[in-house]
Amino acid sequence: MAIFGRKPEQGKQSQQGEFGEEKPATSPTTNLDESIRERVEPIIAQLRPYLQADGGDIELVDVEDAVVYVRLQGACCGCPSSIYTLKMGVEARIIEEVPEVRSVEMARE
């Protein structure tokens, strides 16, 4: 019970590992998500002019657990073809360049 009896301190930036070594507070997933975000941002910037040419736009909202969340804007909102734009265009291009990405999804409002 001694192992489970003590609550971890909140706000602590690092934790002690099994053998007393310091472990960073950020998880490997967080680091991966940050890396993905850095590589996806320029791809979004490359795709943006194509969407803008049709009166739309795209915004990178978040990366969580290797899932990229974007927001389609302008003429893309409500367009029946927006899911095809998202999956066959944006997602295909991003996964081609950043294979760690699991999927690209619409961000919830």
Protein backbone atom coordinates (compact mmCIF):
# COMPACT_ATOMS: atom_id res chain seq x y z
CA MET A 1 0.00 0.00 0.00
CA ALA A 2 2.95 2.34 0.53
CA ILE A 3 3.52 2.59 -3.23
CA PHE A 4 -0.08 3.63 -3.92
CA GLY A 5 -0.68 5.58 -0.70
CA ARG A 6 1.22 8.71 -1.70
CA LYS A 7 -0.22 11.09 -4.28
CA PRO A 8 2.24 12.60 -6.77
CA GLU A 9 3.04 16.27 -6.27
CA GLN A 10 1.18 18.50 -8.68
CA GLY A 11 3.07 21.03 -10.76
CA LYS A 12 6.33 19.13 -10.51
CA GLN A 13 8.35 19.42 -13.74
CA SER A 14 10.10 16.06 -13.54
CA GLN A 15 9.55 12.71 -11.89
CA GLN A 16 11.91 10.20 -10.41
CA GLY A 17 12.31 6.94 -12.30
CA GLU A 18 12.47 3.43 -10.88
CA PHE A 19 16.22 3.71 -10.18
CA GLY A 20 16.23 7.30 -8.90
CA GLU A 21 17.04 9.00 -12.24
CA GLU A 22 15.13 12.11 -13.26
CA LYS A 23 12.53 11.63 -15.99
CA PRO A 24 11.15 14.57 -17.98
CA ALA A 25 7.52 15.55 -17.38
CA THR A 26 6.75 15.53 -21.12
CA SER A 27 5.74 12.21 -22.56
CA PRO A 28 7.21 10.73 -25.75
CA THR A 29 3.81 11.28 -27.39
CA THR A 30 3.99 15.00 -26.64
CA ASN A 31 7.46 15.22 -28.17
CA LEU A 32 6.29 13.27 -31.21
CA ASP A 33 3.27 15.56 -31.58
CA GLU A 34 5.51 18.63 -31.43
CA SER A 35 7.79 17.13 -34.07
CA ILE A 36 4.82 16.30 -36.27
CA ARG A 37 3.41 19.81 -35.88
CA GLU A 38 6.72 21.37 -36.94
CA ARG A 39 6.78 19.22 -40.09
CA VAL A 40 3.07 19.59 -40.91
CA GLU A 41 2.97 23.41 -40.71
CA PRO A 42 4.98 23.96 -43.93
CA ILE A 43 2.88 21.35 -45.75
CA ILE A 44 -0.29 23.20 -44.75
CA ALA A 45 1.34 26.41 -46.02
CA GLN A 46 2.04 24.70 -49.37
CA LEU A 47 -1.57 23.46 -49.68
CA ARG A 48 -3.19 26.75 -48.62
CA PRO A 49 -2.92 28.52 -52.04
CA TYR A 50 -4.78 25.67 -53.75
CA LEU A 51 -7.67 25.97 -51.32
CA GLN A 52 -7.61 29.75 -51.48
CA ALA A 53 -7.85 29.60 -55.27
CA ASP A 54 -11.30 28.02 -54.79
CA GLY A 55 -12.33 30.50 -52.08
CA GLY A 56 -11.40 28.30 -49.12
CA ASP A 57 -8.63 28.11 -46.58
CA ILE A 58 -7.13 25.71 -44.05
CA GLU A 59 -5.85 26.17 -40.51
CA LEU A 60 -3.74 23.75 -38.47
CA VAL A 61 -5.51 23.55 -35.11
CA ASP A 62 -3.73 20.82 -33.14
CA VAL A 63 -1.77 17.58 -33.19
CA GLU A 64 -2.72 15.01 -30.60
CA ASP A 65 -1.58 11.37 -30.45
CA ALA A 66 -0.27 11.64 -34.04
CA VAL A 67 -3.67 12.83 -35.30
CA VAL A 68 -3.60 16.19 -37.09
CA TYR A 69 -6.65 18.42 -36.56
CA VAL A 70 -7.38 21.10 -39.15
CA ARG A 71 -10.16 23.59 -39.79
CA LEU A 72 -11.36 24.17 -43.33
CA GLN A 73 -12.63 27.72 -43.83
CA GLY A 74 -14.33 29.94 -46.38
CA ALA A 75 -15.94 28.16 -49.31
CA CYS A 76 -14.74 24.82 -47.89
CA CYS A 77 -17.24 25.14 -45.01
CA GLY A 78 -20.35 23.28 -45.97
CA CYS A 79 -18.96 22.16 -49.32
CA PRO A 80 -20.03 18.58 -50.09
CA SER A 81 -16.55 17.85 -51.43
CA SER A 82 -14.73 19.07 -48.31
CA ILE A 83 -14.34 15.54 -46.90
CA TYR A 84 -12.69 14.45 -50.15
CA THR A 85 -10.44 17.51 -50.04
CA LEU A 86 -9.54 16.63 -46.48
CA LYS A 87 -8.93 12.91 -46.89
CA MET A 88 -7.75 12.49 -50.47
CA GLY A 89 -5.88 15.76 -50.72
CA VAL A 90 -4.69 17.11 -47.37
CA GLU A 91 -4.39 13.82 -45.46
CA ALA A 92 -2.75 11.96 -48.35
CA ARG A 93 -0.15 14.71 -48.81
CA ILE A 94 0.62 15.03 -45.08
CA ILE A 95 0.98 11.27 -44.54
CA GLU A 96 3.20 11.05 -47.62
CA GLU A 97 5.57 13.60 -46.08
CA VAL A 98 5.12 12.70 -42.39
CA PRO A 99 4.40 8.96 -42.14
CA GLU A 100 4.04 9.11 -38.33
CA VAL A 101 0.69 10.86 -38.79
CA ARG A 102 -2.18 8.42 -38.21
CA SER A 103 -4.90 10.58 -39.75
CA VAL A 104 -6.05 14.13 -40.49
CA GLU A 105 -9.41 15.09 -39.01
CA MET A 106 -11.69 18.13 -38.90
CA ALA A 107 -11.31 20.05 -35.67
CA ARG A 108 -14.43 20.31 -33.53
CA GLU A 109 -15.69 23.86 -33.09
